[in-house]
Amino acid sequence: MGLHMLGSKKIIIQRGKEASQTPIGRALFSFFLRTDMQSSVVTGNPMFLDESWWKNDPLYHMAIPQEAPILLAADAALVKLCVIVAKITILKRYSTMKRVKLLAKIKKDPDPAKGYQSLYARQEQQIRKQVKELQRELELWHKGLPAWFGSLHTDQMLDGEEDINSSDIVEIMPQRYPHHSIAVVLSCAFAANIQLWRVANPDELNPSPLVGALVHALLRAFLATPQSADSMSISNVWIAALFLKKQVHREWLEDVIKRRIRDTDFWCWKFALHGIQHEWATQDGKEDGRFKSMPTGAQEVVPGVSENLWHADGVMIPKLEVLTNEDEVVGSPEGKRMPYRFKGDTKLFQDRDSDDEDEAGGNTDGTAEPEGEIPRRIPLNASFIDDY
């Protein structure tokens, strides 16, 4: 897949930006950009095209009018959302590498006099500010949608959904939308919010009630999509599945995915199912269900892309304690080495890649839940970072 994406990227760049704005050129370009976005979500790598291309689609600059046809509104909404998701993917990689780098220093020299712990707290403060900025972009994106661009029964954003992990729901039911394209777009938005929570809370495996509500909303939206939209749905379902805590919901989702596999034989579903089962087994401390090995040669096709796709680095996001040891390659003839990471051409966040950020105050742990009784339905437009 990496070879195909790199080849397509070269063709698109050689044709130029104007060629991607003609009717046929725009259709091909938007398909590539969405494929690029979805693959980057899974690999954890930046998109192959840099940010100067993300807004090249003419629909990005179009305000979506209330009277817009459904498919045009959904198309434009997804174009705008892809830009935000691309930024989230880069922030995920940036924040992970920053944390791993500093944790390695703390592990090597835990002496408080070095000041690494306080530096780590300031670094977390900075990452959480960046998460908050992208949350605001998602909020503005949603406010720019037509009023009818949502579910038919309730306003999911204001009225919310139940936290699936604390509800007594056994079988998750599909939400109803004016058209399945709206369900596809909103499932991507729900997944983006879940990813942002993961960036802010990298080692927290017990999702907050808001995340449980987003997982519920995402899976209901997914059930409203046809099999023809699976290529846009799989990574979203994968992201949500990792936060299902009840066995009854896990078994239900396994059955849903297996039915899709029987109907479509789509290899991406098979890959996602194995990844989901692996993470569930890891969370539960079980060996049965985990990946056993990587196929020989899988990491050799496109360095920094193929192996990251196989590991699904962007979706799985292992605990930081594991990542601090990821340079210890067992059986490698070179011994310890840092694995090559595909960096892409983006410049986002790189200008902030310094251990000398200005000291900032405020809460930095981000794990405290509001006191009081948790409502059954949780508004999906609530923020999980309220200290800025």
Protein backbone atom coordinates (compact mmCIF):
# COMPACT_ATOMS: atom_id res chain seq x y z
CA MET A 1 0.00 0.00 0.00
CA GLY A 2 2.87 2.36 0.80
CA LEU A 3 4.27 1.93 -2.72
CA HIS A 4 0.90 2.79 -4.27
CA MET A 5 0.48 5.86 -2.07
CA LEU A 6 3.99 7.14 -2.79
CA GLY A 7 3.48 6.61 -6.53
CA SER A 8 0.12 8.40 -6.47
CA LYS A 9 1.64 11.26 -4.48
CA LYS A 10 4.33 11.79 -7.14
CA ILE A 11 1.75 11.82 -9.93
CA ILE A 12 -0.47 14.32 -8.09
CA ILE A 13 2.44 16.68 -7.37
CA GLN A 14 3.72 16.48 -10.96
CA ARG A 15 0.25 17.32 -12.30
CA GLY A 16 0.07 20.38 -10.06
CA LYS A 17 -2.61 21.85 -7.84
CA GLU A 18 -4.69 23.36 -10.65
CA ALA A 19 -5.09 19.95 -12.29
CA SER A 20 -6.64 18.68 -9.04
CA GLN A 21 -9.35 21.36 -9.17
CA THR A 22 -11.02 20.36 -12.44
CA PRO A 23 -14.16 18.18 -12.03
CA ILE A 24 -12.44 14.87 -12.81
CA GLY A 25 -9.15 15.95 -11.23
CA ARG A 26 -10.92 17.01 -8.07
CA ALA A 27 -12.80 13.67 -7.84
CA LEU A 28 -9.54 11.70 -8.10
CA PHE A 29 -7.72 14.04 -5.72
CA SER A 30 -10.44 13.88 -3.03
CA PHE A 31 -10.43 10.08 -3.20
CA PHE A 32 -6.66 9.99 -2.72
CA LEU A 33 -6.77 12.54 0.11
CA ARG A 34 -9.35 10.51 2.04
CA THR A 35 -7.42 7.31 1.50
CA ASP A 36 -4.28 9.13 2.62
CA MET A 37 -6.09 10.36 5.73
CA GLN A 38 -7.48 6.95 6.68
CA SER A 39 -4.15 5.16 6.16
CA SER A 40 -2.34 7.80 8.23
CA VAL A 41 -4.83 7.29 11.06
CA VAL A 42 -3.89 3.59 11.13
CA THR A 43 -0.12 3.92 10.64
CA GLY A 44 0.28 6.94 12.91
CA ASN A 45 2.40 8.56 10.18
CA PRO A 46 1.76 12.00 8.69
CA MET A 47 -0.20 12.04 5.46
CA PHE A 48 1.88 11.60 2.32
CA LEU A 49 0.76 14.99 1.02
CA ASP A 50 1.79 17.92 3.20
CA GLU A 51 -0.52 20.62 4.56
CA SER A 52 -0.11 22.85 1.50
CA TRP A 53 -2.26 20.28 -0.34
CA TRP A 54 -4.88 19.57 2.31
CA LYS A 55 -6.89 22.67 1.47
CA ASN A 56 -6.48 22.38 -2.29
CA ASP A 57 -9.94 20.85 -2.72
CA PRO A 58 -12.28 23.66 -3.88
CA LEU A 59 -14.97 22.47 -1.45
CA TYR A 60 -12.74 23.24 1.52
CA HIS A 61 -13.32 26.98 1.07
CA MET A 62 -17.07 26.66 0.47
CA ALA A 63 -19.48 27.65 3.23
CA ILE A 64 -22.12 24.92 3.37
CA PRO A 65 -25.54 26.58 2.91
CA GLN A 66 -28.66 25.29 4.66
CA GLU A 67 -30.24 24.46 1.29
CA ALA A 68 -27.25 22.45 0.05
CA PRO A 69 -28.04 18.98 -1.36
CA ILE A 70 -27.19 16.20 1.11
CA LEU A 71 -24.33 14.70 -0.90
CA LEU A 72 -22.72 18.08 -1.57
CA ALA A 73 -22.95 19.00 2.11
CA ALA A 74 -21.48 15.66 3.18
CA ASP A 75 -18.69 15.93 0.61
CA ALA A 76 -17.72 19.43 1.72
CA ALA A 77 -17.99 18.52 5.41
CA LEU A 78 -15.65 15.55 4.93
CA VAL A 79 -13.15 17.68 2.99
CA LYS A 80 -12.96 20.13 5.90
CA LEU A 81 -12.84 17.33 8.49
CA CYS A 82 -9.93 15.59 6.72
CA VAL A 83 -7.75 18.64 7.42
CA ILE A 84 -8.47 18.42 11.15
CA VAL A 85 -7.88 14.66 11.25
CA ALA A 86 -4.56 15.15 9.45
CA LYS A 87 -3.48 17.58 12.18
CA ILE A 88 -4.58 15.13 14.89
CA THR A 89 -2.46 12.37 13.38
CA ILE A 90 0.61 14.60 13.40
CA LEU A 91 -0.11 15.70 16.98
CA LYS A 92 -0.39 12.03 18.04
CA ARG A 93 3.07 11.24 16.67
CA TYR A 94 4.58 14.50 17.91
CA SER A 95 3.26 14.09 21.46
CA THR A 96 4.27 10.42 21.61
CA MET A 97 7.85 11.07 20.54
CA LYS A 98 8.15 14.06 22.89
CA ARG A 99 6.94 11.98 25.82
CA VAL A 100 9.10 8.99 24.97
CA LYS A 101 12.19 11.16 24.62
CA LEU A 102 11.73 12.80 28.02
CA LEU A 103 10.63 9.60 29.79
CA ALA A 104 13.80 7.92 28.55
CA LYS A 105 15.83 10.70 30.20
CA ILE A 106 13.90 10.30 33.45
CA LYS A 107 14.36 6.52 33.32
CA LYS A 108 18.10 6.93 32.76
CA ASP A 109 18.59 9.60 35.44
CA PRO A 110 15.65 9.95 37.89
CA ASP A 111 17.50 12.49 40.03
CA PRO A 112 14.92 15.24 40.85
CA ALA A 113 17.74 17.79 40.74
CA LYS A 114 17.82 17.39 36.95
CA GLY A 115 14.34 18.87 36.76
CA TYR A 116 13.05 16.33 34.24
CA GLN A 117 9.83 15.72 36.19
CA SER A 118 8.87 19.39 36.23
CA LEU A 119 9.82 19.65 32.57
CA TYR A 120 7.57 16.69 31.83
CA ALA A 121 4.67 18.44 33.59
CA ARG A 122 5.21 21.58 31.48
CA GLN A 123 5.39 19.44 28.37
CA GLU A 124 2.04 17.82 29.24
CA GLN A 125 0.58 21.28 29.71
CA GLN A 126 1.71 22.24 26.21
CA ILE A 127 0.34 19.05 24.63
CA ARG A 128 -3.01 19.56 26.31
CA LYS A 129 -3.19 23.11 24.98
CA GLN A 130 -2.62 21.75 21.48
CA VAL A 131 -5.35 19.16 22.03
CA LYS A 132 -7.68 21.94 23.15
CA GLU A 133 -6.92 23.93 20.00
CA LEU A 134 -7.92 21.00 17.81
CA GLN A 135 -11.04 20.45 19.90
CA ARG A 136 -12.01 24.02 19.13
CA GLU A 137 -11.44 23.39 15.42
CA LEU A 138 -13.80 20.40 15.63
CA GLU A 139 -16.39 22.55 17.40
CA LEU A 140 -16.16 25.23 14.71
CA TRP A 141 -16.40 22.56 12.02
CA HIS A 142 -19.61 21.23 13.54
CA LYS A 143 -21.09 24.72 13.89
CA GLY A 144 -20.48 25.22 10.17
CA LEU A 145 -22.72 22.29 9.24
CA PRO A 146 -26.37 22.77 8.21
CA ALA A 147 -28.86 22.40 11.05
CA TRP A 148 -30.29 19.23 9.47
CA PHE A 149 -26.88 17.55 9.21
CA GLY A 150 -27.40 15.06 12.03
CA SER A 151 -29.62 12.29 13.34
CA LEU A 152 -33.37 12.33 12.68
CA HIS A 153 -34.47 11.47 16.23
CA THR A 154 -32.46 13.72 18.52
CA ASP A 155 -29.69 16.28 18.47
CA GLN A 156 -26.78 13.94 19.27
CA MET A 157 -24.41 16.76 20.07
CA LEU A 158 -26.69 18.53 22.58
CA ASP A 159 -28.87 15.66 23.84
CA GLY A 160 -25.99 13.20 23.72
CA GLU A 161 -25.74 9.44 24.05
CA GLU A 162 -25.44 7.07 26.98
CA ASP A 163 -21.99 6.02 28.13
CA ILE A 164 -21.91 2.54 26.62
CA ASN A 165 -19.63 1.23 29.36
CA SER A 166 -22.02 2.14 32.17
CA SER A 167 -25.33 1.46 30.43
CA ASP A 168 -27.46 -1.68 30.55
CA ILE A 169 -27.71 -1.78 26.76
CA VAL A 170 -26.93 -5.23 25.34
CA GLU A 171 -27.31 -4.69 21.60
CA ILE A 172 -26.29 -1.33 20.13
CA MET A 173 -28.93 -0.08 17.70
CA PRO A 174 -28.36 2.00 14.55
CA GLN A 175 -29.04 5.72 14.60
CA ARG A 176 -31.24 7.18 11.85
CA TYR A 177 -29.93 9.88 9.51
CA PRO A 178 -31.33 11.64 6.42
CA HIS A 179 -28.67 9.80 4.36
CA HIS A 180 -25.91 7.33 5.13
CA SER A 181 -23.27 9.84 3.94
CA ILE A 182 -24.04 11.92 7.04
CA ALA A 183 -23.42 8.86 9.23
CA VAL A 184 -20.04 8.33 7.54
CA VAL A 185 -18.94 11.92 8.15
CA LEU A 186 -20.12 12.04 11.76
CA SER A 187 -18.47 8.70 12.59
CA CYS A 188 -15.17 10.23 11.42
CA ALA A 189 -15.81 13.25 13.67
CA PHE A 190 -16.60 11.06 16.69
CA ALA A 191 -13.40 9.07 16.05
CA ALA A 192 -11.41 12.32 15.88
CA ASN A 193 -12.68 13.32 19.33
CA ILE A 194 -11.79 9.91 20.76
CA GLN A 195 -8.29 10.19 19.31
CA LEU A 196 -7.84 13.60 20.90
CA TRP A 197 -8.80 12.19 24.29
CA ARG A 198 -6.20 9.47 23.75
CA VAL A 199 -3.53 12.08 22.99
CA ALA A 200 -4.38 13.94 26.20
CA ASN A 201 -4.51 10.71 28.26
CA PRO A 202 -1.97 8.29 26.72
CA ASP A 203 -1.82 5.81 29.59
CA GLU A 204 -5.46 5.97 30.67
CA LEU A 205 -7.23 2.77 29.59
CA ASN A 206 -10.46 3.48 31.48
CA PRO A 207 -12.35 5.91 29.25
CA SER A 208 -14.27 8.80 30.71
CA PRO A 209 -18.09 8.83 30.42
CA LEU A 210 -17.78 11.31 27.53
CA VAL A 211 -15.56 8.90 25.62
CA GLY A 212 -18.03 6.09 26.35
CA ALA A 213 -20.80 8.25 24.88
CA LEU A 214 -18.69 9.04 21.79
CA VAL A 215 -17.96 5.33 21.31
CA HIS A 216 -21.69 4.62 21.54
CA ALA A 217 -22.54 7.38 19.04
CA LEU A 218 -19.83 6.22 16.63
CA LEU A 219 -21.00 2.61 16.61
CA ARG A 220 -24.62 3.69 16.11
CA ALA A 221 -23.54 5.84 13.16
CA PHE A 222 -21.49 2.95 11.73
CA LEU A 223 -24.55 0.67 11.81
CA ALA A 224 -26.34 3.23 9.61
CA THR A 225 -23.71 2.93 6.85
CA PRO A 226 -23.75 0.45 3.95
CA GLN A 227 -20.92 -1.94 3.13
CA SER A 228 -19.89 0.35 0.26
CA ALA A 229 -18.67 2.84 2.89
CA ASP A 230 -16.54 0.31 4.78
CA SER A 231 -13.22 1.78 3.64
CA MET A 232 -14.13 4.99 5.51
CA SER A 233 -15.63 3.18 8.50
CA ILE A 234 -13.09 0.54 9.48
CA SER A 235 -10.51 2.71 11.24
CA ASN A 236 -13.31 4.55 13.08
CA VAL A 237 -14.82 1.29 14.35
CA TRP A 238 -11.33 0.11 15.35
CA ILE A 239 -10.71 3.27 17.38
CA ALA A 240 -14.04 2.92 19.17
CA ALA A 241 -13.76 -0.82 19.77
CA LEU A 242 -10.64 -0.47 21.91
CA PHE A 243 -12.70 1.38 24.52
CA LEU A 244 -15.47 -1.19 24.87
CA LYS A 245 -15.12 -2.61 28.36
CA LYS A 246 -18.10 -4.96 28.65
CA GLN A 247 -17.76 -8.47 27.22
CA VAL A 248 -21.32 -8.40 25.88
CA HIS A 249 -20.51 -5.38 23.70
CA ARG A 250 -17.23 -6.88 22.53
CA GLU A 251 -18.96 -10.09 21.47
CA TRP A 252 -21.70 -8.09 19.74
CA LEU A 253 -19.13 -6.09 17.74
CA GLU A 254 -17.18 -9.23 16.84
CA ASP A 255 -20.37 -10.70 15.38
CA VAL A 256 -21.07 -7.51 13.41
CA ILE A 257 -17.55 -7.44 11.93
CA LYS A 258 -17.60 -11.16 11.13
CA ARG A 259 -20.86 -10.68 9.23
CA ARG A 260 -19.22 -7.93 7.19
CA ILE A 261 -16.26 -10.23 6.52
CA ARG A 262 -18.58 -13.02 5.36
CA ASP A 263 -20.47 -10.63 3.09
CA THR A 264 -17.51 -8.72 1.62
CA ASP A 265 -14.32 -10.74 2.28
CA PHE A 266 -12.68 -7.31 2.75
CA TRP A 267 -9.15 -7.91 4.06
CA CYS A 268 -9.15 -4.60 5.97
CA TRP A 269 -11.96 -5.91 8.17
CA LYS A 270 -9.95 -9.05 8.88
CA PHE A 271 -6.91 -6.97 9.81
CA ALA A 272 -8.96 -4.66 12.04
CA LEU A 273 -10.66 -7.58 13.80
CA HIS A 274 -7.31 -9.15 14.66
CA GLY A 275 -6.03 -5.79 15.92
CA ILE A 276 -9.13 -5.27 18.06
CA GLN A 277 -8.90 -8.78 19.52
CA HIS A 278 -5.20 -8.26 20.22
CA GLU A 279 -5.82 -5.06 22.17
CA TRP A 280 -8.70 -6.57 24.13
CA ALA A 281 -6.50 -9.53 25.07
CA THR A 282 -3.68 -7.16 26.06
CA GLN A 283 -5.99 -5.05 28.23
CA ASP A 284 -7.35 -8.17 29.93
CA GLY A 285 -3.88 -9.66 30.51
CA LYS A 286 -4.54 -12.65 28.26
CA GLU A 287 -2.21 -14.30 25.76
CA ASP A 288 -4.95 -15.92 23.70
CA GLY A 289 -6.03 -13.58 20.91
CA ARG A 290 -2.79 -11.59 20.58
CA PHE A 291 -0.68 -11.19 17.47
CA LYS A 292 2.11 -13.73 17.53
CA SER A 293 4.53 -12.45 14.90
CA MET A 294 4.99 -10.17 11.93
CA PRO A 295 5.14 -11.84 8.50
CA THR A 296 8.67 -11.97 7.10
CA GLY A 297 9.32 -9.00 4.84
CA ALA A 298 6.27 -7.01 5.93
CA GLN A 299 8.55 -4.29 7.30
CA GLU A 300 10.80 -4.14 4.25
CA VAL A 301 8.56 -2.80 1.50
CA VAL A 302 8.51 0.91 2.42
CA PRO A 303 10.60 1.65 5.55
CA GLY A 304 8.64 3.50 8.20
CA VAL A 305 5.33 2.89 6.43
CA SER A 306 4.77 -0.83 5.92
CA GLU A 307 5.75 -1.90 9.43
CA ASN A 308 3.76 0.95 10.99
CA LEU A 309 0.74 -0.13 9.00
CA TRP A 310 1.16 -3.70 10.19
CA HIS A 311 1.52 -2.61 13.82
CA ALA A 312 -1.37 -0.11 13.36
CA ASP A 313 0.69 2.35 15.41
CA GLY A 314 -1.81 5.17 15.03
CA VAL A 315 -4.80 3.19 16.31
CA MET A 316 -3.30 0.91 18.93
CA ILE A 317 -1.09 3.50 20.71
CA PRO A 318 0.65 1.28 23.29
CA LYS A 319 1.41 2.58 26.77
CA LEU A 320 4.33 4.99 27.05
CA GLU A 321 6.25 2.56 29.24
CA VAL A 322 6.33 0.16 26.29
CA LEU A 323 7.33 2.84 23.80
CA THR A 324 10.35 3.89 25.85
CA ASN A 325 11.80 0.45 25.10
CA GLU A 326 10.86 0.28 21.43
CA ASP A 327 14.47 0.79 20.32
CA GLU A 328 15.36 -2.56 21.82
CA VAL A 329 14.92 -4.71 18.72
CA VAL A 330 15.14 -8.34 19.82
CA GLY A 331 17.28 -10.44 17.49
CA SER A 332 18.38 -7.51 15.36
CA PRO A 333 21.96 -7.90 14.09
CA GLU A 334 22.51 -4.21 14.81
CA GLY A 335 21.47 -4.65 18.43
CA LYS A 336 19.70 -1.62 19.86
CA ARG A 337 18.58 0.89 17.28
CA MET A 338 15.90 3.52 16.88
CA PRO A 339 13.33 2.35 14.32
CA TYR A 340 12.98 4.56 11.26
CA ARG A 341 9.87 6.72 11.34
CA PHE A 342 8.29 8.07 8.19
CA LYS A 343 8.13 11.82 8.79
CA GLY A 344 6.50 13.09 5.61
CA ASP A 345 6.98 16.68 4.48
CA THR A 346 4.86 18.42 7.10
CA LYS A 347 6.25 21.23 9.24
CA LEU A 348 3.39 21.23 11.74
CA PHE A 349 4.42 21.10 15.40
CA GLN A 350 8.10 20.79 14.51
CA ASP A 351 8.78 24.40 15.46
CA ARG A 352 7.60 23.51 18.99
CA ASP A 353 9.84 20.49 19.31
CA SER A 354 11.97 21.88 22.13
CA ASP A 355 12.50 20.91 25.72
CA ASP A 356 12.58 24.58 26.74
CA GLU A 357 8.87 25.54 26.61
CA ASP A 358 7.83 28.41 28.83
CA GLU A 359 6.63 27.24 32.20
CA ALA A 360 2.84 27.28 32.52
CA GLY A 361 0.52 26.83 35.45
CA GLY A 362 -2.73 24.95 35.83
CA ASN A 363 -3.75 21.36 36.17
CA THR A 364 -1.69 18.92 34.07
CA ASP A 365 -2.98 15.43 34.78
CA GLY A 366 -6.26 15.72 32.88
CA THR A 367 -7.76 12.64 34.53
CA ALA A 368 -10.13 14.12 37.10
CA GLU A 369 -13.82 13.56 36.46
CA PRO A 370 -16.45 16.11 37.51
CA GLU A 371 -18.02 15.38 40.85
CA GLY A 372 -21.68 14.51 41.23
CA GLU A 373 -24.03 12.10 39.50
CA ILE A 374 -23.21 11.25 35.90
CA PRO A 375 -26.22 11.89 33.63
CA ARG A 376 -27.48 8.95 31.55
CA ARG A 377 -27.10 10.88 28.30
CA ILE A 378 -23.92 12.87 27.84
CA PRO A 379 -23.72 15.77 25.35
CA LEU A 380 -21.16 14.93 22.67
CA ASN A 381 -20.02 18.53 22.34
CA ALA A 382 -18.65 18.60 25.90
CA SER A 383 -14.93 19.15 26.39
CA PHE A 384 -12.71 16.72 28.23
CA ILE A 385 -10.14 19.46 28.80
CA ASP A 386 -11.66 22.24 30.89
CA ASP A 387 -8.61 23.80 32.49
CA TYR A 388 -7.94 26.39 29.78
